[in-house]
Amino acid sequence: MRTLAESFQVLNRFKGFGEPKSALWFVGIEEGGEWSLEDLQSDLVELYAKPQPELDGRANQKGKPHRTPVYPIASRVALGLFNPSRTFTSDDVRDFQHRKLGRWKSDTFLTNVYPLGKKSRTAWPEHYQLLGFKSAAACRASVVEDRLALLRELRQKHAPRLVVCHGEKDWDQFELCFGSSQAAWTTGLLPHNQKSIKWQPGLVLSQFFATQGGLMEHSNVAALIEVCKQAILPR
């Protein structure tokens, strides 16, 4: 059994779900699900130690898939980019999410800047302090340089056609990691709630992929897909 410190290092070195050589990357801030103390001390951590696990490998203690509102939104964006001439149903989106998103040969890769899942950006469960960090901010400060360097190196090596980053509170980190000082930014507003979006060739910075308060309701996702079509690099 790994120590808590060893489990944390496994998570900190974790690249993401799917294949980094995929054309389309989705990059978030952190997972939405909290790791329990039992999870951190269990074989669940071993899934993250594999060379490149698939999305359905992440399961809770009862063996159910780990779910988040990020996945259906990412699936709709991927479908809209990969098959722009088609109109997709909810069943199509669910099928892509459950069979392709974040899996081998799906051409999608999912990753996060920070290694520990939490229920909110500022949350810091008591048992997380056993990892050696008194707060979420202390953990971020400790790992951010290594995490950004890992993601930057992966992108340089695999050259995805498009990186879609979601979570406006970390746009500065996304831009630092993936942005090009040689390319101009284009900015716009999502139609449903006038939230900002910005992009340059090969990179899109979006609002968080959530549905609360209509943040990424259908018209906003449709607008995001159109932005992605403009930003995606040619083959």
Protein backbone atom coordinates (compact mmCIF):
# COMPACT_ATOMS: atom_id res chain seq x y z
CA MET A 1 0.00 0.00 0.00
CA ARG A 2 1.26 3.47 -0.87
CA THR A 3 1.71 6.15 1.75
CA LEU A 4 -0.44 9.27 1.43
CA ALA A 5 2.60 11.21 0.19
CA GLU A 6 3.23 8.57 -2.47
CA SER A 7 -0.42 8.61 -3.54
CA PHE A 8 -0.29 12.36 -3.92
CA GLN A 9 2.80 12.13 -6.12
CA VAL A 10 1.02 9.62 -8.36
CA LEU A 11 -1.84 12.07 -8.81
CA ASN A 12 0.53 14.99 -9.34
CA ARG A 13 2.31 13.12 -12.15
CA PHE A 14 -0.95 11.99 -13.73
CA LYS A 15 -1.24 13.24 -17.31
CA GLY A 16 -4.88 12.74 -18.11
CA PHE A 17 -7.51 10.45 -19.61
CA GLY A 18 -7.13 9.26 -23.19
CA GLU A 19 -4.15 9.84 -25.46
CA PRO A 20 -2.11 13.08 -25.45
CA LYS A 21 -1.56 12.62 -29.19
CA SER A 22 -5.27 13.31 -29.71
CA ALA A 23 -6.31 16.23 -31.89
CA LEU A 24 -8.61 17.72 -29.25
CA TRP A 25 -7.69 18.45 -25.65
CA PHE A 26 -9.99 19.59 -22.85
CA VAL A 27 -8.17 21.13 -19.89
CA GLY A 28 -9.93 21.97 -16.63
CA ILE A 29 -8.82 23.29 -13.27
CA GLU A 30 -9.29 20.13 -11.20
CA GLU A 31 -11.64 17.18 -10.88
CA GLY A 32 -14.98 17.93 -9.25
CA GLY A 33 -15.08 14.76 -7.16
CA GLU A 34 -13.38 14.73 -3.76
CA TRP A 35 -10.93 11.97 -2.90
CA SER A 36 -11.85 10.34 0.40
CA LEU A 37 -9.11 9.22 2.76
CA GLU A 38 -10.07 5.64 1.90
CA ASP A 39 -9.67 6.39 -1.83
CA LEU A 40 -6.20 7.82 -1.29
CA GLN A 41 -5.19 4.68 0.58
CA SER A 42 -6.82 2.24 -1.86
CA ASP A 43 -6.03 0.60 -5.17
CA LEU A 44 -8.02 3.37 -6.89
CA VAL A 45 -4.81 5.39 -6.93
CA GLU A 46 -3.20 2.62 -8.99
CA LEU A 47 -5.49 3.50 -11.90
CA TYR A 48 -3.74 6.86 -12.06
CA ALA A 49 -0.32 5.19 -12.01
CA LYS A 50 -1.01 3.38 -15.28
CA PRO A 51 0.70 4.70 -18.43
CA GLN A 52 -2.53 6.19 -19.80
CA PRO A 53 -5.81 5.09 -18.23
CA GLU A 54 -9.13 5.58 -19.89
CA LEU A 55 -11.90 7.78 -18.55
CA ASP A 56 -14.05 4.88 -17.41
CA GLY A 57 -11.23 3.65 -15.18
CA ARG A 58 -12.04 6.37 -12.63
CA ALA A 59 -14.74 4.87 -10.43
CA ASN A 60 -16.02 5.46 -6.96
CA GLN A 61 -16.09 2.91 -4.16
CA LYS A 62 -19.33 1.41 -5.46
CA GLY A 63 -17.97 0.89 -8.94
CA LYS A 64 -20.09 3.56 -10.61
CA PRO A 65 -18.55 5.81 -13.28
CA HIS A 66 -17.28 9.16 -12.03
CA ARG A 67 -19.71 11.72 -13.44
CA THR A 68 -19.40 15.45 -13.94
CA PRO A 69 -21.26 18.04 -16.06
CA VAL A 70 -17.98 18.56 -17.91
CA TYR A 71 -18.32 15.33 -19.88
CA PRO A 72 -21.56 15.95 -21.82
CA ILE A 73 -20.44 19.47 -22.73
CA ALA A 74 -17.04 18.22 -23.89
CA SER A 75 -18.80 15.48 -25.87
CA ARG A 76 -21.03 17.99 -27.65
CA VAL A 77 -18.01 20.12 -28.55
CA ALA A 78 -16.11 17.10 -29.87
CA LEU A 79 -19.07 15.93 -31.96
CA GLY A 80 -19.58 19.42 -33.36
CA LEU A 81 -15.93 19.63 -34.41
CA PHE A 82 -15.45 16.11 -35.72
CA ASN A 83 -18.75 16.00 -37.66
CA PRO A 84 -19.71 19.62 -38.35
CA SER A 85 -22.32 18.79 -40.97
CA ARG A 86 -24.42 16.61 -38.65
CA THR A 87 -27.09 17.48 -36.13
CA PHE A 88 -26.68 15.47 -32.94
CA THR A 89 -29.29 14.19 -30.53
CA SER A 90 -28.98 13.75 -26.77
CA ASP A 91 -28.54 10.03 -27.40
CA ASP A 92 -25.58 10.75 -29.70
CA VAL A 93 -23.98 12.87 -26.98
CA ARG A 94 -24.48 10.20 -24.32
CA ASP A 95 -23.11 7.53 -26.63
CA PHE A 96 -19.98 9.57 -27.38
CA GLN A 97 -19.51 10.34 -23.68
CA HIS A 98 -19.78 6.71 -22.58
CA ARG A 99 -17.90 5.05 -25.43
CA LYS A 100 -15.36 7.55 -26.78
CA LEU A 101 -14.63 10.62 -24.67
CA GLY A 102 -11.23 10.31 -23.00
CA ARG A 103 -10.64 6.85 -24.44
CA TRP A 104 -8.11 5.30 -26.77
CA LYS A 105 -8.40 6.30 -30.43
CA SER A 106 -11.22 8.76 -29.69
CA ASP A 107 -8.99 11.74 -30.61
CA THR A 108 -9.91 13.37 -27.27
CA PHE A 109 -7.70 13.92 -24.23
CA LEU A 110 -8.91 15.23 -20.84
CA THR A 111 -6.65 16.69 -18.19
CA ASN A 112 -6.52 19.25 -15.37
CA VAL A 113 -4.03 21.78 -14.07
CA TYR A 114 -4.29 20.66 -10.45
CA PRO A 115 -4.11 17.05 -9.23
CA LEU A 116 -6.66 16.82 -6.40
CA GLY A 117 -10.40 16.79 -6.99
CA LYS A 118 -12.52 18.99 -4.72
CA LYS A 119 -16.14 20.05 -4.44
CA SER A 120 -15.22 23.70 -4.95
CA ARG A 121 -12.17 25.79 -5.73
CA THR A 122 -11.60 26.84 -2.11
CA ALA A 123 -12.65 23.60 -0.39
CA TRP A 124 -9.92 21.79 1.50
CA PRO A 125 -11.16 18.69 3.34
CA GLU A 126 -9.55 17.99 6.69
CA HIS A 127 -7.95 14.75 5.51
CA TYR A 128 -6.23 16.61 2.63
CA GLN A 129 -4.11 18.31 5.27
CA LEU A 130 -2.52 14.91 5.90
CA LEU A 131 -0.88 15.34 2.48
CA GLY A 132 1.18 18.19 3.88
CA PHE A 133 -0.81 21.21 2.71
CA LYS A 134 -2.85 23.38 5.07
CA SER A 135 -5.01 24.90 2.32
CA ALA A 136 -5.98 24.62 -1.33
CA ALA A 137 -3.88 27.71 -2.06
CA ALA A 138 -0.81 26.13 -0.46
CA CYS A 139 -1.24 22.99 -2.56
CA ARG A 140 -1.66 24.97 -5.78
CA ALA A 141 1.42 27.07 -5.05
CA SER A 142 3.45 23.92 -4.43
CA VAL A 143 2.50 22.03 -7.59
CA VAL A 144 1.56 24.62 -10.21
CA GLU A 145 5.01 25.02 -11.79
CA ASP A 146 5.50 21.26 -12.16
CA ARG A 147 1.97 20.72 -13.47
CA LEU A 148 2.20 23.53 -16.03
CA ALA A 149 5.61 22.26 -17.15
CA LEU A 150 4.20 18.74 -17.61
CA LEU A 151 1.24 19.97 -19.67
CA ARG A 152 3.39 22.36 -21.70
CA GLU A 153 5.82 19.56 -22.54
CA LEU A 154 2.99 17.23 -23.53
CA ARG A 155 1.55 19.84 -25.86
CA GLN A 156 4.90 20.56 -27.48
CA LYS A 157 5.47 16.84 -28.00
CA HIS A 158 2.06 15.88 -29.36
CA ALA A 159 0.89 19.14 -31.00
CA PRO A 160 -2.91 18.81 -30.63
CA ARG A 161 -4.91 20.78 -33.16
CA LEU A 162 -6.94 22.46 -30.42
CA VAL A 163 -6.70 22.90 -26.66
CA VAL A 164 -9.98 23.97 -25.02
CA CYS A 165 -9.47 25.26 -21.46
CA HIS A 166 -12.49 25.83 -19.24
CA GLY A 167 -12.64 27.74 -15.96
CA GLU A 168 -12.32 31.52 -16.19
CA LYS A 169 -10.69 31.87 -12.76
CA ASP A 170 -7.60 30.13 -14.11
CA TRP A 171 -7.37 31.77 -17.51
CA ASP A 172 -4.04 33.29 -16.47
CA GLN A 173 -2.59 29.83 -15.82
CA PHE A 174 -4.01 28.44 -19.05
CA GLU A 175 -2.59 31.35 -21.02
CA LEU A 176 0.79 30.97 -19.31
CA CYS A 177 0.87 27.27 -20.15
CA PHE A 178 -0.57 27.18 -23.67
CA GLY A 179 -0.77 30.74 -25.01
CA SER A 180 1.45 32.12 -27.75
CA SER A 181 2.91 35.61 -27.46
CA GLN A 182 3.19 35.61 -31.25
CA ALA A 183 -0.55 35.20 -31.89
CA ALA A 184 -3.29 37.76 -31.38
CA TRP A 185 -6.26 37.04 -29.15
CA THR A 186 -9.85 37.33 -30.33
CA THR A 187 -12.49 37.92 -27.67
CA GLY A 188 -16.24 37.48 -27.66
CA LEU A 189 -19.29 36.96 -25.47
CA LEU A 190 -21.41 33.85 -25.04
CA PRO A 191 -24.99 34.63 -26.09
CA HIS A 192 -27.03 33.29 -23.17
CA ASN A 193 -25.37 35.20 -20.34
CA GLN A 194 -22.76 37.45 -21.98
CA LYS A 195 -19.87 35.58 -20.36
CA SER A 196 -16.47 36.10 -21.97
CA ILE A 197 -14.64 33.72 -24.28
CA LYS A 198 -11.28 34.26 -25.97
CA TRP A 199 -9.19 32.36 -28.48
CA GLN A 200 -6.12 32.30 -30.67
CA PRO A 201 -5.03 29.65 -33.18
CA GLY A 202 -4.97 26.28 -31.44
CA LEU A 203 -6.30 27.52 -28.09
CA VAL A 204 -9.71 28.48 -26.64
CA LEU A 205 -10.33 29.85 -23.14
CA SER A 206 -13.92 29.23 -22.09
CA GLN A 207 -16.14 29.53 -19.07
CA PHE A 208 -16.30 26.51 -16.79
CA PHE A 209 -18.17 23.58 -18.32
CA ALA A 210 -21.14 23.67 -15.94
CA THR A 211 -24.87 24.05 -16.38
CA GLN A 212 -25.68 25.85 -13.11
CA GLY A 213 -27.39 29.17 -13.73
CA GLY A 214 -27.36 28.52 -17.47
CA LEU A 215 -23.59 29.03 -17.60
CA MET A 216 -23.10 26.62 -20.49
CA GLU A 217 -26.64 26.07 -21.70
CA HIS A 218 -27.22 24.95 -25.27
CA SER A 219 -26.83 28.30 -27.04
CA ASN A 220 -23.54 28.92 -25.22
CA VAL A 221 -22.21 25.48 -26.15
CA ALA A 222 -23.24 26.06 -29.77
CA ALA A 223 -21.36 29.37 -29.71
CA LEU A 224 -18.32 27.63 -28.18
CA ILE A 225 -18.35 25.07 -31.00
CA GLU A 226 -18.32 27.85 -33.59
CA VAL A 227 -15.35 29.49 -31.83
CA CYS A 228 -13.56 26.14 -31.78
CA LYS A 229 -14.09 25.76 -35.53
CA GLN A 230 -12.31 29.10 -36.01
CA ALA A 231 -9.47 28.27 -33.62
CA ILE A 232 -8.66 24.66 -34.55
CA LEU A 233 -5.41 24.25 -36.44
CA PRO A 234 -5.40 22.57 -39.86
CA ARG A 235 -4.31 18.97 -40.15
